[in-house]
Amino acid sequence: MRKKPRIGVIGGSKPNKKALELAYKTGKLIAEKGAILVCGGLGGVMEAVSRGVKDAGGISIGILPWDKLDVCNQYIDIPIVTNVGYMRNALVVLNSHSAIAIDGSYGTLSEIAYGMIYGKKVFGLETWDVPGVNHMQNPEEAVDLAYKEALNVVGGKPQG
């Protein structure tokens, strides 16, 4: 049995309405592709993308910054406690085969940097304009390319 592709979604904890809509749609598309979502497990973009995954019947992993399981948003299936604060951002990226950045502040920027450090492809929607981020026009394009990259990493073939 091959590994399921994991797509990380990184983004702001205090996003605007447009970013929340992008995150929700991104989550639905990730689940529809059959990939697993990896995120920081809290609010904002993380909650919206997790809700999208859940509404489409997918699986979500939340890598939490503290030592309590109950701080994750209600749409996380598998919460993972770390008790390392923002250092958990590296773990979100390391546990993803590719990543999509939506909106975000300095925490998101650090995750983008970890993506570059660890050789992960990062696709962006309304996020930081920095070298290495592949800016996308919409969630469909971002998820399609992130999924193809994740499949390439795990050695699978597209479904359907």
C-alpha atoms as a PDB file:
ATOM      1  CA  MET A   1       0.000   0.000   0.000  1.00  0.00           C
ATOM      2  CA  ARG A   2       1.416   3.390  -0.935  1.00  0.00           C
ATOM      3  CA  LYS A   3       1.448   6.368   1.376  1.00  0.00           C
ATOM      4  CA  LYS A   4      -1.361   8.892   1.036  1.00  0.00           C
ATOM      5  CA  PRO A   5      -0.153  12.282  -0.126  1.00  0.00           C
ATOM      6  CA  ARG A   6      -0.085  14.966   2.576  1.00  0.00           C
ATOM      7  CA  ILE A   7      -0.656  18.588   1.699  1.00  0.00           C
ATOM      8  CA  GLY A   8       0.253  21.174   4.298  1.00  0.00           C
ATOM      9  CA  VAL A   9      -1.776  24.351   4.490  1.00  0.00           C
ATOM     10  CA  ILE A  10      -0.104  27.226   6.258  1.00  0.00           C
ATOM     11  CA  GLY A  11      -1.741  30.555   6.933  1.00  0.00           C
ATOM     12  CA  GLY A  12      -2.813  33.302   9.224  1.00  0.00           C
ATOM     13  CA  SER A  13      -4.639  33.019  12.523  1.00  0.00           C
ATOM     14  CA  LYS A  14      -6.471  36.315  11.862  1.00  0.00           C
ATOM     15  CA  PRO A  15      -7.304  36.245   8.148  1.00  0.00           C
ATOM     16  CA  ASN A  16      -9.774  38.380   6.267  1.00  0.00           C
ATOM     17  CA  LYS A  17     -13.008  36.977   4.815  1.00  0.00           C
ATOM     18  CA  LYS A  18     -11.483  36.297   1.384  1.00  0.00           C
ATOM     19  CA  ALA A  19      -8.644  34.251   2.902  1.00  0.00           C
ATOM     20  CA  LEU A  20     -11.142  32.218   4.942  1.00  0.00           C
ATOM     21  CA  GLU A  21     -13.127  31.457   1.784  1.00  0.00           C
ATOM     22  CA  LEU A  22      -9.953  30.459  -0.076  1.00  0.00           C
ATOM     23  CA  ALA A  23      -8.936  28.193   2.822  1.00  0.00           C
ATOM     24  CA  TYR A  24     -12.333  26.494   3.039  1.00  0.00           C
ATOM     25  CA  LYS A  25     -12.382  25.783  -0.714  1.00  0.00           C
ATOM     26  CA  THR A  26      -8.775  24.574  -0.564  1.00  0.00           C
ATOM     27  CA  GLY A  27      -9.691  22.120   2.185  1.00  0.00           C
ATOM     28  CA  LYS A  28     -12.618  20.707   0.237  1.00  0.00           C
ATOM     29  CA  LEU A  29     -10.438  20.190  -2.819  1.00  0.00           C
ATOM     30  CA  ILE A  30      -7.679  18.498  -0.803  1.00  0.00           C
ATOM     31  CA  ALA A  31     -10.201  16.006   0.581  1.00  0.00           C
ATOM     32  CA  GLU A  32     -11.766  15.430  -2.843  1.00  0.00           C
ATOM     33  CA  LYS A  33      -8.316  14.517  -4.209  1.00  0.00           C
ATOM     34  CA  GLY A  34      -7.897  11.959  -1.427  1.00  0.00           C
ATOM     35  CA  ALA A  35      -4.950  13.731   0.205  1.00  0.00           C
ATOM     36  CA  ILE A  36      -4.463  14.267   3.933  1.00  0.00           C
ATOM     37  CA  LEU A  37      -4.373  17.809   5.297  1.00  0.00           C
ATOM     38  CA  VAL A  38      -1.556  18.826   7.634  1.00  0.00           C
ATOM     39  CA  CYS A  39      -1.891  22.183   9.389  1.00  0.00           C
ATOM     40  CA  GLY A  40      -1.218  23.949  12.676  1.00  0.00           C
ATOM     41  CA  GLY A  41      -4.591  22.853  14.047  1.00  0.00           C
ATOM     42  CA  LEU A  42      -5.741  26.157  15.526  1.00  0.00           C
ATOM     43  CA  GLY A  43      -8.026  28.947  14.227  1.00  0.00           C
ATOM     44  CA  GLY A  44      -8.170  31.241  11.211  1.00  0.00           C
ATOM     45  CA  VAL A  45      -6.939  29.689   7.968  1.00  0.00           C
ATOM     46  CA  MET A  46      -6.200  26.446   9.845  1.00  0.00           C
ATOM     47  CA  GLU A  47      -9.790  26.110  11.025  1.00  0.00           C
ATOM     48  CA  ALA A  48     -11.318  27.083   7.684  1.00  0.00           C
ATOM     49  CA  VAL A  49      -9.213  24.598   5.716  1.00  0.00           C
ATOM     50  CA  SER A  50      -9.932  21.857   8.283  1.00  0.00           C
ATOM     51  CA  ARG A  51     -13.658  22.564   8.030  1.00  0.00           C
ATOM     52  CA  GLY A  52     -13.462  22.268   4.242  1.00  0.00           C
ATOM     53  CA  VAL A  53     -11.663  18.939   4.560  1.00  0.00           C
ATOM     54  CA  LYS A  54     -14.224  17.654   7.070  1.00  0.00           C
ATOM     55  CA  ASP A  55     -17.195  18.790   4.944  1.00  0.00           C
ATOM     56  CA  ALA A  56     -15.771  16.805   2.017  1.00  0.00           C
ATOM     57  CA  GLY A  57     -15.121  13.690   4.124  1.00  0.00           C
ATOM     58  CA  GLY A  58     -11.339  13.996   4.350  1.00  0.00           C
ATOM     59  CA  ILE A  59      -8.730  13.574   7.079  1.00  0.00           C
ATOM     60  CA  SER A  60      -6.925  16.381   8.899  1.00  0.00           C
ATOM     61  CA  ILE A  61      -3.829  16.411  11.087  1.00  0.00           C
ATOM     62  CA  GLY A  62      -3.227  19.369  13.400  1.00  0.00           C
ATOM     63  CA  ILE A  63       0.292  19.877  14.744  1.00  0.00           C
ATOM     64  CA  LEU A  64      -0.274  21.928  17.881  1.00  0.00           C
ATOM     65  CA  PRO A  65       2.147  24.367  19.503  1.00  0.00           C
ATOM     66  CA  TRP A  66       1.274  23.450  23.098  1.00  0.00           C
ATOM     67  CA  ASP A  67       0.940  20.373  25.299  1.00  0.00           C
ATOM     68  CA  LYS A  68      -2.871  20.141  25.285  1.00  0.00           C
ATOM     69  CA  LEU A  69      -4.967  18.149  22.823  1.00  0.00           C
ATOM     70  CA  ASP A  70      -8.135  20.141  23.473  1.00  0.00           C
ATOM     71  CA  VAL A  71      -6.829  23.421  21.993  1.00  0.00           C
ATOM     72  CA  CYS A  72      -7.245  22.243  18.400  1.00  0.00           C
ATOM     73  CA  ASN A  73     -10.158  23.353  16.285  1.00  0.00           C
ATOM     74  CA  GLN A  74     -13.172  21.052  16.145  1.00  0.00           C
ATOM     75  CA  TYR A  75     -12.424  19.835  12.599  1.00  0.00           C
ATOM     76  CA  ILE A  76      -9.050  18.221  13.356  1.00  0.00           C
ATOM     77  CA  ASP A  77      -9.104  14.417  13.254  1.00  0.00           C
ATOM     78  CA  ILE A  78      -5.598  13.776  14.514  1.00  0.00           C
ATOM     79  CA  PRO A  79      -4.195  16.387  16.899  1.00  0.00           C
ATOM     80  CA  ILE A  80      -0.482  16.115  17.662  1.00  0.00           C
ATOM     81  CA  VAL A  81       0.850  17.999  20.692  1.00  0.00           C
ATOM     82  CA  THR A  82       4.407  19.330  20.593  1.00  0.00           C
ATOM     83  CA  ASN A  83       4.811  21.886  23.422  1.00  0.00           C
ATOM     84  CA  VAL A  84       7.391  23.730  21.297  1.00  0.00           C
ATOM     85  CA  GLY A  85       5.426  26.882  20.414  1.00  0.00           C
ATOM     86  CA  TYR A  86       6.229  28.386  17.022  1.00  0.00           C
ATOM     87  CA  MET A  87       8.992  25.837  16.487  1.00  0.00           C
ATOM     88  CA  ARG A  88       6.154  23.476  15.564  1.00  0.00           C
ATOM     89  CA  ASN A  89       6.011  25.345  12.226  1.00  0.00           C
ATOM     90  CA  ALA A  90       8.945  23.255  11.039  1.00  0.00           C
ATOM     91  CA  LEU A  91       7.005  20.105  11.954  1.00  0.00           C
ATOM     92  CA  VAL A  92       3.994  21.170   9.883  1.00  0.00           C
ATOM     93  CA  VAL A  93       6.234  21.507   6.831  1.00  0.00           C
ATOM     94  CA  LEU A  94       8.284  18.367   7.518  1.00  0.00           C
ATOM     95  CA  ASN A  95       5.087  16.292   7.751  1.00  0.00           C
ATOM     96  CA  SER A  96       3.790  17.565   4.390  1.00  0.00           C
ATOM     97  CA  HIS A  97       4.792  16.501   0.886  1.00  0.00           C
ATOM     98  CA  SER A  98       3.943  19.956  -0.482  1.00  0.00           C
ATOM     99  CA  ALA A  99       2.385  23.093   0.983  1.00  0.00           C
ATOM    100  CA  ILE A 100      -0.123  25.810   0.206  1.00  0.00           C
ATOM    101  CA  ALA A 101       0.293  29.188   1.913  1.00  0.00           C
ATOM    102  CA  ILE A 102      -2.836  31.304   2.342  1.00  0.00           C
ATOM    103  CA  ASP A 103      -2.631  34.826   3.744  1.00  0.00           C
ATOM    104  CA  GLY A 104      -0.531  34.899   6.906  1.00  0.00           C
ATOM    105  CA  SER A 105       1.882  36.882   8.979  1.00  0.00           C
ATOM    106  CA  TYR A 106       5.334  36.063  10.330  1.00  0.00           C
ATOM    107  CA  GLY A 107       4.419  32.523  11.436  1.00  0.00           C
ATOM    108  CA  THR A 108       3.373  31.749   7.870  1.00  0.00           C
ATOM    109  CA  LEU A 109       6.552  33.370   6.580  1.00  0.00           C
ATOM    110  CA  SER A 110       8.583  31.073   8.837  1.00  0.00           C
ATOM    111  CA  GLU A 111       6.728  28.044   7.446  1.00  0.00           C
ATOM    112  CA  ILE A 112       7.433  29.226   3.901  1.00  0.00           C
ATOM    113  CA  ALA A 113      11.112  29.514   4.866  1.00  0.00           C
ATOM    114  CA  TYR A 114      11.085  25.981   6.301  1.00  0.00           C
ATOM    115  CA  GLY A 115       9.542  24.820   3.038  1.00  0.00           C
ATOM    116  CA  MET A 116      12.493  26.313   1.150  1.00  0.00           C
ATOM    117  CA  ILE A 117      15.014  24.887   3.665  1.00  0.00           C
ATOM    118  CA  TYR A 118      13.570  21.373   3.406  1.00  0.00           C
ATOM    119  CA  GLY A 119      13.034  21.434  -0.355  1.00  0.00           C
ATOM    120  CA  LYS A 120       9.224  21.423  -0.287  1.00  0.00           C
ATOM    121  CA  LYS A 121       7.262  23.138  -3.029  1.00  0.00           C
ATOM    122  CA  VAL A 122       5.096  25.965  -1.696  1.00  0.00           C
ATOM    123  CA  PHE A 123       2.100  27.238  -3.632  1.00  0.00           C
ATOM    124  CA  GLY A 124       0.636  30.586  -2.587  1.00  0.00           C
ATOM    125  CA  LEU A 125      -2.810  32.163  -2.450  1.00  0.00           C
ATOM    126  CA  GLU A 126      -2.873  35.806  -1.324  1.00  0.00           C
ATOM    127  CA  THR A 127       0.313  35.348   0.700  1.00  0.00           C
ATOM    128  CA  TRP A 128       3.894  36.570   0.982  1.00  0.00           C
ATOM    129  CA  ASP A 129       5.607  37.542  -2.268  1.00  0.00           C
ATOM    130  CA  VAL A 130       8.986  35.955  -1.642  1.00  0.00           C
ATOM    131  CA  PRO A 131      11.286  33.859  -3.842  1.00  0.00           C
ATOM    132  CA  GLY A 132      10.285  30.218  -3.881  1.00  0.00           C
ATOM    133  CA  VAL A 133       6.537  30.721  -3.496  1.00  0.00           C
ATOM    134  CA  ASN A 134       4.636  29.701  -6.616  1.00  0.00           C
ATOM    135  CA  HIS A 135       1.711  32.127  -6.693  1.00  0.00           C
ATOM    136  CA  MET A 136      -1.579  30.641  -7.850  1.00  0.00           C
ATOM    137  CA  GLN A 137      -4.756  32.256  -9.150  1.00  0.00           C
ATOM    138  CA  ASN A 138      -7.279  30.108  -7.272  1.00  0.00           C
ATOM    139  CA  PRO A 139      -7.633  27.113  -4.930  1.00  0.00           C
ATOM    140  CA  GLU A 140      -8.235  24.714  -7.827  1.00  0.00           C
ATOM    141  CA  GLU A 141      -4.868  25.537  -9.380  1.00  0.00           C
ATOM    142  CA  ALA A 142      -3.061  25.484  -6.012  1.00  0.00           C
ATOM    143  CA  VAL A 143      -4.485  22.128  -4.930  1.00  0.00           C
ATOM    144  CA  ASP A 144      -3.980  20.534  -8.330  1.00  0.00           C
ATOM    145  CA  LEU A 145      -0.280  21.432  -8.395  1.00  0.00           C
ATOM    146  CA  ALA A 146       0.280  20.710  -4.686  1.00  0.00           C
ATOM    147  CA  TYR A 147      -1.383  17.301  -5.121  1.00  0.00           C
ATOM    148  CA  LYS A 148       0.717  16.461  -8.181  1.00  0.00           C
ATOM    149  CA  GLU A 149       3.853  17.427  -6.276  1.00  0.00           C
ATOM    150  CA  ALA A 150       2.803  15.364  -3.248  1.00  0.00           C
ATOM    151  CA  LEU A 151       2.136  12.366  -5.497  1.00  0.00           C
ATOM    152  CA  ASN A 152       5.536  12.821  -7.076  1.00  0.00           C
ATOM    153  CA  VAL A 153       7.123  12.692  -3.608  1.00  0.00           C
ATOM    154  CA  VAL A 154       5.247   9.552  -2.492  1.00  0.00           C
ATOM    155  CA  GLY A 155       5.575   7.858  -5.888  1.00  0.00           C
ATOM    156  CA  GLY A 156       1.903   7.568  -6.732  1.00  0.00           C
ATOM    157  CA  LYS A 157      -0.328   8.247  -9.700  1.00  0.00           C
ATOM    158  CA  PRO A 158      -3.327  10.604  -9.849  1.00  0.00           C
ATOM    159  CA  GLN A 159      -6.680   9.032  -9.043  1.00  0.00           C
ATOM    160  CA  GLY A 160      -9.605   9.181 -11.452  1.00  0.00           C
END
